[in-house]
N, C-alpha and C. Protein backbone atom coordinates (compact mmCIF):
# COMPACT_ATOMS: atom_id res chain seq x y z
N UNK A 1 -4.42 -18.97 14.65
CA UNK A 1 -3.61 -17.95 13.98
C UNK A 1 -2.34 -18.57 13.40
N UNK A 2 -1.77 -19.59 14.07
CA UNK A 2 -0.53 -20.21 13.58
C UNK A 2 -0.72 -20.80 12.19
N UNK A 3 -1.89 -21.42 11.94
CA UNK A 3 -2.17 -21.97 10.61
C UNK A 3 -2.22 -20.87 9.57
N UNK A 4 -2.85 -19.74 9.93
CA UNK A 4 -2.93 -18.61 9.01
C UNK A 4 -1.54 -18.08 8.70
N UNK A 5 -0.71 -17.94 9.74
CA UNK A 5 0.65 -17.43 9.54
C UNK A 5 1.42 -18.36 8.61
N UNK A 6 1.33 -19.67 8.84
CA UNK A 6 2.04 -20.63 7.99
C UNK A 6 1.53 -20.60 6.56
N UNK A 7 0.20 -20.53 6.38
CA UNK A 7 -0.33 -20.52 5.02
C UNK A 7 0.04 -19.23 4.30
N UNK A 8 0.01 -18.10 5.02
CA UNK A 8 0.42 -16.83 4.41
C UNK A 8 1.90 -16.88 4.06
N UNK A 9 2.72 -17.41 4.95
CA UNK A 9 4.16 -17.53 4.68
C UNK A 9 4.40 -18.40 3.45
N UNK A 10 3.64 -19.49 3.32
CA UNK A 10 3.77 -20.37 2.14
C UNK A 10 3.36 -19.64 0.86
N UNK A 11 2.27 -18.86 0.94
CA UNK A 11 1.80 -18.10 -0.23
C UNK A 11 2.83 -17.05 -0.63
N UNK A 12 3.42 -16.38 0.35
CA UNK A 12 4.43 -15.36 0.06
C UNK A 12 5.66 -16.00 -0.56
N UNK A 13 6.07 -17.14 -0.03
CA UNK A 13 7.23 -17.85 -0.58
C UNK A 13 6.97 -18.26 -2.04
N UNK A 14 5.77 -18.79 -2.32
CA UNK A 14 5.42 -19.17 -3.69
C UNK A 14 5.39 -17.94 -4.60
N UNK A 15 4.91 -16.81 -4.05
CA UNK A 15 4.86 -15.57 -4.82
C UNK A 15 6.27 -15.07 -5.13
N UNK A 16 7.16 -15.13 -4.15
CA UNK A 16 8.55 -14.70 -4.38
C UNK A 16 9.20 -15.57 -5.45
N UNK A 17 8.92 -16.87 -5.44
CA UNK A 17 9.43 -17.77 -6.49
C UNK A 17 8.86 -17.36 -7.84
N UNK A 18 7.57 -17.03 -7.87
CA UNK A 18 6.90 -16.58 -9.09
C UNK A 18 7.56 -15.31 -9.63
N UNK A 19 7.88 -14.38 -8.73
CA UNK A 19 8.54 -13.14 -9.15
C UNK A 19 9.93 -13.42 -9.73
N UNK A 20 10.71 -14.23 -9.01
CA UNK A 20 12.07 -14.55 -9.47
C UNK A 20 12.05 -15.30 -10.79
N UNK A 21 11.07 -16.15 -10.99
CA UNK A 21 11.00 -16.97 -12.21
C UNK A 21 10.26 -16.30 -13.35
N UNK A 22 9.92 -15.04 -13.18
CA UNK A 22 9.21 -14.33 -14.24
C UNK A 22 7.84 -14.92 -14.55
N UNK A 23 7.23 -15.57 -13.57
CA UNK A 23 5.90 -16.15 -13.76
C UNK A 23 5.91 -17.58 -14.24
N UNK A 24 7.12 -18.13 -14.53
CA UNK A 24 7.21 -19.50 -15.02
C UNK A 24 7.17 -20.54 -13.91
N UNK A 25 7.57 -20.15 -12.70
CA UNK A 25 7.56 -21.07 -11.56
C UNK A 25 6.85 -20.39 -10.40
N UNK A 26 6.52 -21.16 -9.38
CA UNK A 26 5.82 -20.59 -8.24
C UNK A 26 4.40 -20.24 -8.59
N UNK A 27 3.82 -19.37 -7.79
CA UNK A 27 2.43 -18.98 -8.02
C UNK A 27 2.23 -17.55 -7.56
N UNK A 28 1.51 -16.79 -8.38
CA UNK A 28 1.21 -15.41 -8.02
C UNK A 28 0.44 -15.39 -6.70
N UNK A 29 0.79 -14.46 -5.84
CA UNK A 29 0.14 -14.34 -4.54
C UNK A 29 -1.31 -13.94 -4.66
N UNK A 30 -2.20 -14.81 -4.23
CA UNK A 30 -3.64 -14.54 -4.19
C UNK A 30 -4.06 -14.63 -2.72
N UNK A 31 -3.86 -13.55 -2.01
CA UNK A 31 -4.18 -13.50 -0.58
C UNK A 31 -5.52 -12.79 -0.44
N UNK A 32 -6.58 -13.54 -0.40
CA UNK A 32 -7.93 -12.98 -0.43
C UNK A 32 -8.66 -13.24 0.88
N UNK A 33 -9.23 -12.16 1.44
CA UNK A 33 -10.05 -12.24 2.64
C UNK A 33 -9.37 -12.98 3.79
N UNK A 34 -8.08 -12.69 4.00
CA UNK A 34 -7.33 -13.35 5.07
C UNK A 34 -7.18 -12.44 6.29
N UNK A 35 -7.09 -13.05 7.46
CA UNK A 35 -6.78 -12.33 8.69
C UNK A 35 -5.26 -12.32 8.82
N UNK A 36 -4.66 -11.16 8.58
CA UNK A 36 -3.21 -11.00 8.64
C UNK A 36 -2.84 -9.95 9.69
N UNK A 37 -3.71 -9.81 10.69
CA UNK A 37 -3.50 -8.82 11.75
C UNK A 37 -2.17 -9.03 12.44
N UNK A 38 -1.47 -7.92 12.66
CA UNK A 38 -0.22 -7.90 13.44
C UNK A 38 0.89 -8.77 12.86
N UNK A 39 0.81 -9.17 11.61
CA UNK A 39 1.86 -10.01 11.02
C UNK A 39 3.12 -9.21 10.74
N UNK A 40 4.25 -9.85 10.89
CA UNK A 40 5.54 -9.26 10.57
C UNK A 40 5.86 -9.61 9.12
N UNK A 41 5.64 -8.64 8.24
CA UNK A 41 5.88 -8.81 6.81
C UNK A 41 6.96 -7.86 6.33
N UNK A 42 7.89 -7.54 7.23
CA UNK A 42 8.97 -6.62 6.87
C UNK A 42 9.75 -7.16 5.68
N UNK A 43 9.95 -6.29 4.68
CA UNK A 43 10.75 -6.64 3.52
C UNK A 43 10.13 -7.67 2.60
N UNK A 44 8.86 -8.00 2.79
CA UNK A 44 8.21 -9.02 1.95
C UNK A 44 8.17 -8.58 0.49
N UNK A 45 8.43 -9.53 -0.41
CA UNK A 45 8.37 -9.26 -1.86
C UNK A 45 6.97 -9.61 -2.34
N UNK A 46 6.10 -8.60 -2.39
CA UNK A 46 4.70 -8.80 -2.76
C UNK A 46 4.30 -8.00 -3.99
N UNK A 47 5.27 -7.64 -4.83
CA UNK A 47 4.95 -6.90 -6.05
C UNK A 47 3.96 -7.69 -6.89
N UNK A 48 2.95 -7.01 -7.39
CA UNK A 48 1.91 -7.59 -8.26
C UNK A 48 1.06 -8.66 -7.59
N UNK A 49 1.07 -8.71 -6.26
CA UNK A 49 0.23 -9.68 -5.55
C UNK A 49 -1.20 -9.15 -5.46
N UNK A 50 -2.12 -10.07 -5.30
CA UNK A 50 -3.53 -9.74 -5.12
C UNK A 50 -3.85 -9.94 -3.64
N UNK A 51 -3.95 -8.83 -2.91
CA UNK A 51 -4.16 -8.87 -1.45
C UNK A 51 -5.47 -8.13 -1.17
N UNK A 52 -6.57 -8.71 -1.55
CA UNK A 52 -7.87 -8.03 -1.48
C UNK A 52 -8.67 -8.45 -0.26
N UNK A 53 -9.36 -7.46 0.31
CA UNK A 53 -10.29 -7.68 1.41
C UNK A 53 -9.65 -8.39 2.60
N UNK A 54 -8.38 -8.12 2.84
CA UNK A 54 -7.66 -8.72 3.97
C UNK A 54 -7.67 -7.76 5.16
N UNK A 55 -7.52 -8.32 6.35
CA UNK A 55 -7.37 -7.51 7.55
C UNK A 55 -5.90 -7.54 7.95
N UNK A 56 -5.22 -6.42 7.68
CA UNK A 56 -3.80 -6.28 8.00
C UNK A 56 -3.58 -5.32 9.17
N UNK A 57 -4.59 -5.10 9.97
CA UNK A 57 -4.50 -4.17 11.08
C UNK A 57 -3.24 -4.44 11.91
N UNK A 58 -2.44 -3.40 12.11
CA UNK A 58 -1.25 -3.49 12.94
C UNK A 58 -0.08 -4.25 12.34
N UNK A 59 -0.18 -4.66 11.08
CA UNK A 59 0.91 -5.42 10.44
C UNK A 59 2.12 -4.51 10.19
N UNK A 60 3.29 -5.13 10.09
CA UNK A 60 4.52 -4.41 9.78
C UNK A 60 4.94 -4.75 8.36
N UNK A 61 4.74 -3.80 7.46
CA UNK A 61 5.12 -3.95 6.05
C UNK A 61 6.27 -3.01 5.72
N UNK A 62 7.06 -2.64 6.72
CA UNK A 62 8.18 -1.74 6.46
C UNK A 62 9.16 -2.40 5.49
N UNK A 63 9.59 -1.62 4.51
CA UNK A 63 10.54 -2.12 3.52
C UNK A 63 9.97 -3.13 2.55
N UNK A 64 8.67 -3.39 2.60
CA UNK A 64 8.05 -4.36 1.70
C UNK A 64 7.95 -3.80 0.28
N UNK A 65 7.93 -4.70 -0.69
CA UNK A 65 7.75 -4.32 -2.10
C UNK A 65 6.33 -4.68 -2.49
N UNK A 66 5.48 -3.67 -2.59
CA UNK A 66 4.07 -3.85 -2.95
C UNK A 66 3.76 -3.22 -4.30
N UNK A 67 4.78 -2.96 -5.10
CA UNK A 67 4.57 -2.29 -6.38
C UNK A 67 3.60 -3.09 -7.25
N UNK A 68 2.58 -2.38 -7.75
CA UNK A 68 1.61 -2.99 -8.66
C UNK A 68 0.64 -3.95 -8.00
N UNK A 69 0.66 -4.04 -6.69
CA UNK A 69 -0.24 -4.95 -5.98
C UNK A 69 -1.65 -4.37 -5.89
N UNK A 70 -2.62 -5.26 -5.72
CA UNK A 70 -3.99 -4.85 -5.47
C UNK A 70 -4.31 -5.10 -4.00
N UNK A 71 -4.59 -4.03 -3.29
CA UNK A 71 -4.93 -4.11 -1.87
C UNK A 71 -6.37 -3.63 -1.65
N UNK A 72 -7.18 -3.71 -2.67
CA UNK A 72 -8.53 -3.17 -2.68
C UNK A 72 -9.35 -3.70 -1.49
N UNK A 73 -10.04 -2.78 -0.84
CA UNK A 73 -10.98 -3.08 0.25
C UNK A 73 -10.34 -3.77 1.45
N UNK A 74 -9.05 -3.61 1.63
CA UNK A 74 -8.38 -4.19 2.80
C UNK A 74 -8.41 -3.21 3.97
N UNK A 75 -8.38 -3.76 5.17
CA UNK A 75 -8.32 -2.96 6.40
C UNK A 75 -6.86 -2.96 6.84
N UNK A 76 -6.26 -1.77 6.87
CA UNK A 76 -4.84 -1.64 7.19
C UNK A 76 -4.62 -0.56 8.25
N UNK A 77 -5.44 -0.58 9.27
CA UNK A 77 -5.36 0.41 10.34
C UNK A 77 -4.04 0.24 11.08
N UNK A 78 -3.29 1.34 11.18
CA UNK A 78 -2.05 1.34 11.94
C UNK A 78 -0.91 0.54 11.33
N UNK A 79 -1.00 0.22 10.05
CA UNK A 79 0.07 -0.55 9.38
C UNK A 79 1.32 0.31 9.24
N UNK A 80 2.48 -0.31 9.42
CA UNK A 80 3.76 0.36 9.25
C UNK A 80 4.24 0.11 7.82
N UNK A 81 4.16 1.15 6.98
CA UNK A 81 4.64 1.10 5.60
C UNK A 81 5.97 1.84 5.44
N UNK A 82 6.70 2.06 6.52
CA UNK A 82 7.94 2.82 6.47
C UNK A 82 8.87 2.24 5.40
N UNK A 83 9.33 3.10 4.50
CA UNK A 83 10.27 2.75 3.42
C UNK A 83 9.76 1.65 2.49
N UNK A 84 8.47 1.44 2.44
CA UNK A 84 7.90 0.43 1.53
C UNK A 84 7.81 1.00 0.11
N UNK A 85 7.84 0.11 -0.86
CA UNK A 85 7.65 0.47 -2.27
C UNK A 85 6.21 0.13 -2.62
N UNK A 86 5.39 1.18 -2.83
CA UNK A 86 3.97 0.98 -3.06
C UNK A 86 3.55 1.59 -4.40
N UNK A 87 4.51 1.82 -5.27
CA UNK A 87 4.24 2.46 -6.56
C UNK A 87 3.21 1.65 -7.35
N UNK A 88 2.24 2.37 -7.92
CA UNK A 88 1.22 1.81 -8.80
C UNK A 88 0.37 0.72 -8.15
N UNK A 89 0.34 0.68 -6.83
CA UNK A 89 -0.55 -0.25 -6.12
C UNK A 89 -1.97 0.31 -6.14
N UNK A 90 -2.95 -0.57 -6.15
CA UNK A 90 -4.35 -0.16 -6.09
C UNK A 90 -4.84 -0.32 -4.66
N UNK A 91 -5.04 0.81 -4.00
CA UNK A 91 -5.49 0.82 -2.61
C UNK A 91 -6.89 1.42 -2.51
N UNK A 92 -7.70 1.21 -3.52
CA UNK A 92 -9.07 1.71 -3.56
C UNK A 92 -9.87 1.14 -2.39
N UNK A 93 -10.65 2.00 -1.75
CA UNK A 93 -11.56 1.59 -0.67
C UNK A 93 -10.86 0.95 0.52
N UNK A 94 -9.61 1.32 0.78
CA UNK A 94 -8.89 0.75 1.92
C UNK A 94 -9.06 1.62 3.16
N UNK A 95 -8.91 1.01 4.31
CA UNK A 95 -8.94 1.72 5.58
C UNK A 95 -7.50 1.83 6.07
N UNK A 96 -6.92 3.00 5.91
CA UNK A 96 -5.52 3.24 6.24
C UNK A 96 -5.37 4.19 7.43
N UNK A 97 -6.38 4.24 8.28
CA UNK A 97 -6.32 5.14 9.44
C UNK A 97 -5.08 4.83 10.28
N UNK A 98 -4.32 5.89 10.56
CA UNK A 98 -3.15 5.78 11.43
C UNK A 98 -1.97 5.04 10.82
N UNK A 99 -2.01 4.74 9.53
CA UNK A 99 -0.88 4.05 8.88
C UNK A 99 0.31 4.99 8.79
N UNK A 100 1.51 4.42 8.81
CA UNK A 100 2.74 5.21 8.74
C UNK A 100 3.41 4.98 7.39
N UNK A 101 3.43 6.03 6.56
CA UNK A 101 4.03 5.97 5.23
C UNK A 101 5.37 6.70 5.18
N UNK A 102 6.04 6.89 6.29
CA UNK A 102 7.31 7.62 6.32
C UNK A 102 8.31 6.96 5.37
N UNK A 103 8.82 7.72 4.42
CA UNK A 103 9.83 7.22 3.49
C UNK A 103 9.30 6.28 2.43
N UNK A 104 7.99 6.04 2.40
CA UNK A 104 7.41 5.12 1.41
C UNK A 104 7.34 5.79 0.04
N UNK A 105 7.48 4.98 -1.01
CA UNK A 105 7.34 5.45 -2.38
C UNK A 105 5.94 5.07 -2.86
N UNK A 106 5.16 6.09 -3.24
CA UNK A 106 3.76 5.89 -3.62
C UNK A 106 3.45 6.41 -5.02
N UNK A 107 4.45 6.50 -5.89
CA UNK A 107 4.23 7.04 -7.23
C UNK A 107 3.16 6.23 -7.97
N UNK A 108 2.14 6.91 -8.43
CA UNK A 108 1.10 6.27 -9.22
C UNK A 108 0.16 5.38 -8.43
N UNK A 109 0.27 5.37 -7.11
CA UNK A 109 -0.64 4.55 -6.30
C UNK A 109 -2.05 5.13 -6.38
N UNK A 110 -3.05 4.25 -6.39
CA UNK A 110 -4.44 4.67 -6.46
C UNK A 110 -5.07 4.51 -5.09
N UNK A 111 -5.42 5.64 -4.47
CA UNK A 111 -6.02 5.61 -3.14
C UNK A 111 -7.43 6.17 -3.17
N UNK A 112 -8.16 5.88 -4.23
CA UNK A 112 -9.52 6.36 -4.39
C UNK A 112 -10.37 5.87 -3.21
N UNK A 113 -11.03 6.76 -2.55
CA UNK A 113 -11.92 6.49 -1.41
C UNK A 113 -11.22 5.82 -0.23
N UNK A 114 -9.90 5.93 -0.14
CA UNK A 114 -9.18 5.38 1.01
C UNK A 114 -9.36 6.30 2.21
N UNK A 115 -9.45 5.72 3.39
CA UNK A 115 -9.54 6.50 4.62
C UNK A 115 -8.13 6.67 5.17
N UNK A 116 -7.60 7.88 5.07
CA UNK A 116 -6.24 8.19 5.51
C UNK A 116 -6.22 9.00 6.80
N UNK A 117 -7.32 9.00 7.53
CA UNK A 117 -7.40 9.79 8.76
C UNK A 117 -6.29 9.38 9.73
N UNK A 118 -5.51 10.36 10.14
CA UNK A 118 -4.44 10.13 11.10
C UNK A 118 -3.21 9.44 10.53
N UNK A 119 -3.18 9.20 9.23
CA UNK A 119 -2.02 8.56 8.61
C UNK A 119 -0.84 9.53 8.58
N UNK A 120 0.35 8.99 8.71
CA UNK A 120 1.58 9.78 8.62
C UNK A 120 2.08 9.65 7.20
N UNK A 121 2.03 10.79 6.47
CA UNK A 121 2.43 10.78 5.06
C UNK A 121 3.05 12.12 4.72
N UNK A 122 4.14 12.10 4.00
CA UNK A 122 4.84 13.32 3.60
C UNK A 122 3.90 14.19 2.77
N UNK A 123 3.78 15.48 3.09
CA UNK A 123 2.88 16.36 2.34
C UNK A 123 3.16 16.37 0.83
N UNK A 124 4.42 16.31 0.44
CA UNK A 124 4.75 16.31 -0.99
C UNK A 124 4.23 15.03 -1.65
N UNK A 125 4.37 13.91 -0.96
CA UNK A 125 3.86 12.63 -1.47
C UNK A 125 2.34 12.70 -1.58
N UNK A 126 1.69 13.27 -0.58
CA UNK A 126 0.23 13.39 -0.59
C UNK A 126 -0.23 14.26 -1.75
N UNK A 127 0.47 15.37 -2.00
CA UNK A 127 0.12 16.22 -3.13
C UNK A 127 0.23 15.45 -4.44
N UNK A 128 1.26 14.62 -4.57
CA UNK A 128 1.44 13.83 -5.78
C UNK A 128 0.30 12.83 -5.93
N UNK A 129 -0.07 12.17 -4.84
CA UNK A 129 -1.17 11.21 -4.88
C UNK A 129 -2.47 11.86 -5.31
N UNK A 130 -2.69 13.08 -4.82
CA UNK A 130 -3.92 13.79 -5.13
C UNK A 130 -3.84 14.56 -6.44
N UNK A 131 -2.70 14.43 -7.13
CA UNK A 131 -2.47 15.11 -8.40
C UNK A 131 -2.61 16.63 -8.26
N UNK A 132 -2.12 17.14 -7.13
CA UNK A 132 -2.14 18.58 -6.89
C UNK A 132 -0.85 19.20 -7.42
N UNK A 133 -0.85 20.50 -7.55
CA UNK A 133 0.37 21.20 -7.92
C UNK A 133 0.45 22.46 -7.08
N UNK A 134 1.66 22.95 -6.96
CA UNK A 134 1.86 24.21 -6.24
C UNK A 134 1.28 25.34 -7.08
N UNK A 135 0.63 26.30 -6.45
CA UNK A 135 0.12 27.43 -7.22
C UNK A 135 1.26 28.26 -7.78
N UNK A 136 1.11 28.71 -9.01
CA UNK A 136 2.11 29.62 -9.57
C UNK A 136 1.63 31.05 -9.30
N UNK A 137 2.42 32.01 -9.71
CA UNK A 137 2.07 33.41 -9.43
C UNK A 137 0.73 33.79 -10.06
N UNK A 138 0.45 33.29 -11.26
CA UNK A 138 -0.79 33.64 -11.95
C UNK A 138 -2.00 33.10 -11.20
N UNK A 139 -1.95 31.82 -10.84
CA UNK A 139 -3.11 31.24 -10.14
C UNK A 139 -3.29 31.87 -8.77
N UNK A 140 -2.19 32.22 -8.12
CA UNK A 140 -2.30 32.88 -6.83
C UNK A 140 -2.93 34.26 -7.00
N UNK A 141 -2.57 34.95 -8.09
CA UNK A 141 -3.13 36.27 -8.36
C UNK A 141 -4.64 36.17 -8.58
N UNK A 142 -5.06 35.22 -9.43
CA UNK A 142 -6.49 35.07 -9.70
C UNK A 142 -7.26 34.66 -8.45
N UNK A 143 -6.65 33.85 -7.63
CA UNK A 143 -7.32 33.42 -6.40
C UNK A 143 -7.56 34.61 -5.48
N UNK A 144 -6.63 35.57 -5.50
CA UNK A 144 -6.77 36.73 -4.63
C UNK A 144 -7.73 37.77 -5.18
N UNK A 145 -7.92 37.81 -6.50
CA UNK A 145 -8.74 38.86 -7.09
C UNK A 145 -10.16 38.40 -7.39
N UNK A 146 -10.41 37.11 -7.39
CA UNK A 146 -11.76 36.62 -7.66
C UNK A 146 -12.68 36.95 -6.49
N UNK A 147 -13.90 37.38 -6.80
CA UNK A 147 -14.89 37.62 -5.73
C UNK A 147 -16.22 37.08 -6.15
């Protein structure tokens, strides 16, 4: 596990350099099919990273910047996303059971076929993710009168 932690830390550092340099220096994070279970990734700068098919079970991503990242098909059971920036991230086919999204920003995030069973997520944020809207008086009226 120590080798994995060091290699992930090196990849994240190269990715942060890539972000700061506008893509001219460093290297975009390509974290593919890695075991990242229980890793402390608090505050990690992972915007636009490719984090596909990884096992992040129990990881701490609180305060992390994941905007525009691809997390497709990753296992993230019990991950702490408290106050994370996850706007426009692709979380298609992810396992997010029991994840904590308290205070997280998820504007435009794609959670198609994600398993959110037991996840802690603000109802207003969830409605936004699902593209729901509050019923107005007219729709409420029709809902009550339709048979």
